Amino acid sequence: MAKRSADFGCNIVLVDIDSKHQKKIVNGIEKIGRQVFFPADVANYYSINEVVKKAIPCFGKIDILVQATQIS
């Protein structure tokens, strides 16, 4: 989803508690130049709030926020 959105010109903020998990996705989107990564616990409201505060200066605004999680 992130890669396809970046292909359409969207700026992407990837968030995961485990930065190793996102490495493959980040590398693919980096080539397009529209992503930043922040390690955070997506199940924690305050953690996500901090990510939003960091993301806005990177891109100026947030148009769409998708909080998709996976339990493994």
N, C-alpha and C. Protein backbone atom coordinates (compact mmCIF):
# COMPACT_ATOMS: atom_id res chain seq x y z
N MET A 1 0.82 -1.19 0.00
CA MET A 1 0.00 0.00 0.00
C MET A 1 0.87 1.26 0.00
N ALA A 2 1.90 1.28 0.81
CA ALA A 2 2.78 2.45 0.88
C ALA A 2 3.50 2.68 -0.44
N LYS A 3 4.04 1.62 -1.02
CA LYS A 3 4.77 1.73 -2.28
C LYS A 3 3.85 2.24 -3.38
N ARG A 4 2.67 1.69 -3.48
CA ARG A 4 1.72 2.09 -4.53
C ARG A 4 1.29 3.55 -4.34
N SER A 5 1.07 3.95 -3.12
CA SER A 5 0.70 5.34 -2.84
C SER A 5 1.82 6.29 -3.23
N ALA A 6 3.06 5.91 -2.93
CA ALA A 6 4.22 6.72 -3.32
C ALA A 6 4.32 6.82 -4.83
N ASP A 7 4.02 5.73 -5.53
CA ASP A 7 4.03 5.75 -6.99
C ASP A 7 3.06 6.79 -7.55
N PHE A 8 1.98 7.06 -6.82
CA PHE A 8 0.99 8.04 -7.25
C PHE A 8 1.31 9.45 -6.73
N GLY A 9 2.48 9.62 -6.12
CA GLY A 9 2.92 10.94 -5.69
C GLY A 9 2.66 11.28 -4.25
N CYS A 10 2.19 10.33 -3.46
CA CYS A 10 1.93 10.59 -2.04
C CYS A 10 3.24 10.58 -1.25
N ASN A 11 3.32 11.44 -0.26
CA ASN A 11 4.41 11.39 0.70
C ASN A 11 4.04 10.36 1.75
N ILE A 12 5.02 9.55 2.15
CA ILE A 12 4.75 8.43 3.04
C ILE A 12 5.53 8.58 4.34
N VAL A 13 4.83 8.41 5.45
CA VAL A 13 5.46 8.32 6.77
C VAL A 13 5.22 6.90 7.25
N LEU A 14 6.28 6.13 7.35
CA LEU A 14 6.19 4.75 7.82
C LEU A 14 6.50 4.72 9.31
N VAL A 15 5.72 3.96 10.04
CA VAL A 15 5.88 3.86 11.49
C VAL A 15 5.82 2.39 11.87
N ASP A 16 6.79 1.97 12.66
CA ASP A 16 6.80 0.59 13.15
C ASP A 16 7.65 0.56 14.41
N ILE A 17 7.30 -0.30 15.32
CA ILE A 17 8.09 -0.44 16.54
C ILE A 17 9.44 -1.10 16.24
N ASP A 18 9.49 -1.88 15.16
CA ASP A 18 10.70 -2.60 14.76
C ASP A 18 11.20 -2.06 13.43
N SER A 19 12.26 -1.28 13.46
CA SER A 19 12.76 -0.65 12.23
C SER A 19 13.28 -1.67 11.22
N LYS A 20 13.71 -2.84 11.68
CA LYS A 20 14.19 -3.86 10.75
C LYS A 20 13.07 -4.35 9.84
N HIS A 21 11.87 -4.42 10.38
CA HIS A 21 10.70 -4.89 9.63
C HIS A 21 10.39 -3.98 8.45
N GLN A 22 10.61 -2.71 8.59
CA GLN A 22 10.26 -1.74 7.55
C GLN A 22 11.37 -1.50 6.54
N LYS A 23 12.54 -2.06 6.76
CA LYS A 23 13.70 -1.77 5.92
C LYS A 23 13.44 -2.01 4.43
N LYS A 24 12.82 -3.13 4.09
CA LYS A 24 12.56 -3.46 2.69
C LYS A 24 11.62 -2.44 2.05
N ILE A 25 10.56 -2.08 2.75
CA ILE A 25 9.61 -1.11 2.23
C ILE A 25 10.26 0.25 2.09
N VAL A 26 11.00 0.66 3.11
CA VAL A 26 11.68 1.95 3.09
C VAL A 26 12.63 2.03 1.90
N ASN A 27 13.40 0.99 1.67
CA ASN A 27 14.35 1.00 0.56
C ASN A 27 13.64 1.16 -0.78
N GLY A 28 12.50 0.52 -0.97
CA GLY A 28 11.76 0.65 -2.22
C GLY A 28 11.19 2.04 -2.43
N ILE A 29 10.71 2.64 -1.37
CA ILE A 29 10.11 3.97 -1.48
C ILE A 29 11.18 5.06 -1.54
N GLU A 30 12.33 4.83 -0.91
CA GLU A 30 13.42 5.81 -0.94
C GLU A 30 13.81 6.17 -2.36
N LYS A 31 13.73 5.21 -3.26
CA LYS A 31 14.08 5.46 -4.65
C LYS A 31 13.17 6.51 -5.26
N ILE A 32 11.95 6.58 -4.78
CA ILE A 32 10.99 7.58 -5.25
C ILE A 32 11.22 8.91 -4.52
N GLY A 33 11.79 8.84 -3.32
CA GLY A 33 12.13 10.04 -2.56
C GLY A 33 10.98 10.67 -1.81
N ARG A 34 10.01 9.90 -1.39
CA ARG A 34 8.82 10.46 -0.75
C ARG A 34 8.52 9.82 0.60
N GLN A 35 9.51 9.47 1.37
CA GLN A 35 9.22 8.77 2.61
C GLN A 35 10.11 9.21 3.75
N VAL A 36 9.60 9.05 4.95
CA VAL A 36 10.38 9.14 6.17
C VAL A 36 9.93 7.98 7.06
N PHE A 37 10.78 7.56 7.96
CA PHE A 37 10.46 6.47 8.89
C PHE A 37 10.66 6.95 10.31
N PHE A 38 9.71 6.63 11.17
CA PHE A 38 9.83 6.90 12.59
C PHE A 38 9.51 5.62 13.36
N PRO A 39 10.41 5.18 14.23
CA PRO A 39 10.08 4.03 15.07
C PRO A 39 9.11 4.48 16.18
N ALA A 40 8.02 3.74 16.32
CA ALA A 40 7.04 4.06 17.36
C ALA A 40 6.09 2.88 17.53
N ASP A 41 5.43 2.84 18.66
CA ASP A 41 4.43 1.81 18.96
C ASP A 41 3.08 2.31 18.46
N VAL A 42 2.59 1.73 17.37
CA VAL A 42 1.33 2.20 16.77
C VAL A 42 0.11 1.92 17.65
N ALA A 43 0.26 1.09 18.66
CA ALA A 43 -0.84 0.80 19.58
C ALA A 43 -0.94 1.84 20.70
N ASN A 44 0.01 2.76 20.74
CA ASN A 44 0.06 3.75 21.80
C ASN A 44 -0.30 5.13 21.25
N TYR A 45 -1.40 5.70 21.72
CA TYR A 45 -1.88 7.00 21.23
C TYR A 45 -0.80 8.08 21.33
N TYR A 46 -0.13 8.16 22.45
CA TYR A 46 0.86 9.22 22.65
C TYR A 46 2.06 9.05 21.72
N SER A 47 2.42 7.82 21.45
CA SER A 47 3.51 7.53 20.53
C SER A 47 3.15 8.01 19.12
N ILE A 48 1.94 7.72 18.67
CA ILE A 48 1.49 8.15 17.35
C ILE A 48 1.37 9.66 17.30
N ASN A 49 0.90 10.27 18.36
CA ASN A 49 0.80 11.73 18.41
C ASN A 49 2.18 12.38 18.21
N GLU A 50 3.21 11.81 18.80
CA GLU A 50 4.57 12.31 18.61
C GLU A 50 5.03 12.15 17.16
N VAL A 51 4.67 11.04 16.54
CA VAL A 51 5.01 10.82 15.13
C VAL A 51 4.36 11.90 14.26
N VAL A 52 3.10 12.19 14.52
CA VAL A 52 2.40 13.23 13.76
C VAL A 52 3.11 14.57 13.91
N LYS A 53 3.51 14.91 15.13
CA LYS A 53 4.23 16.16 15.37
C LYS A 53 5.55 16.22 14.60
N LYS A 54 6.20 15.08 14.42
CA LYS A 54 7.47 15.02 13.68
C LYS A 54 7.23 15.00 12.17
N ALA A 55 6.13 14.39 11.74
CA ALA A 55 5.86 14.23 10.31
C ALA A 55 5.43 15.53 9.64
N ILE A 56 4.67 16.35 10.31
CA ILE A 56 4.17 17.58 9.71
C ILE A 56 5.29 18.48 9.21
N PRO A 57 6.36 18.71 9.97
CA PRO A 57 7.45 19.52 9.43
C PRO A 57 8.14 18.91 8.20
N CYS A 58 8.08 17.60 8.07
CA CYS A 58 8.72 16.94 6.92
C CYS A 58 7.98 17.22 5.62
N PHE A 59 6.65 17.26 5.67
CA PHE A 59 5.86 17.39 4.45
C PHE A 59 4.88 18.57 4.47
N GLY A 60 4.80 19.28 5.59
CA GLY A 60 3.93 20.44 5.66
C GLY A 60 2.53 20.16 6.18
N LYS A 61 2.00 18.98 5.87
CA LYS A 61 0.65 18.62 6.31
C LYS A 61 0.45 17.12 6.15
N ILE A 62 -0.64 16.64 6.71
CA ILE A 62 -1.04 15.24 6.53
C ILE A 62 -2.42 15.26 5.90
N ASP A 63 -2.54 14.67 4.72
CA ASP A 63 -3.84 14.59 4.04
C ASP A 63 -4.59 13.33 4.43
N ILE A 64 -3.88 12.22 4.52
CA ILE A 64 -4.49 10.93 4.84
C ILE A 64 -3.61 10.23 5.86
N LEU A 65 -4.23 9.66 6.90
CA LEU A 65 -3.48 8.89 7.88
C LEU A 65 -4.09 7.49 7.92
N VAL A 66 -3.30 6.50 7.58
CA VAL A 66 -3.74 5.10 7.62
C VAL A 66 -2.96 4.42 8.73
N GLN A 67 -3.64 3.95 9.74
CA GLN A 67 -2.99 3.24 10.82
C GLN A 67 -3.33 1.77 10.68
N ALA A 68 -2.50 1.07 9.93
CA ALA A 68 -2.71 -0.36 9.69
C ALA A 68 -1.67 -1.14 10.49
N THR A 69 -2.13 -2.12 11.23
CA THR A 69 -1.22 -2.90 12.06
C THR A 69 -1.36 -4.39 11.76
N GLN A 70 -0.37 -5.11 12.20
CA GLN A 70 -0.37 -6.56 12.02
C GLN A 70 0.16 -7.20 13.29
N ILE A 71 -0.48 -8.22 13.74
CA ILE A 71 0.00 -8.96 14.91
C ILE A 71 0.60 -10.26 14.41
N SER A 72 1.85 -10.50 14.82
CA SER A 72 2.48 -11.75 14.38
C SER A 72 2.94 -12.57 15.56
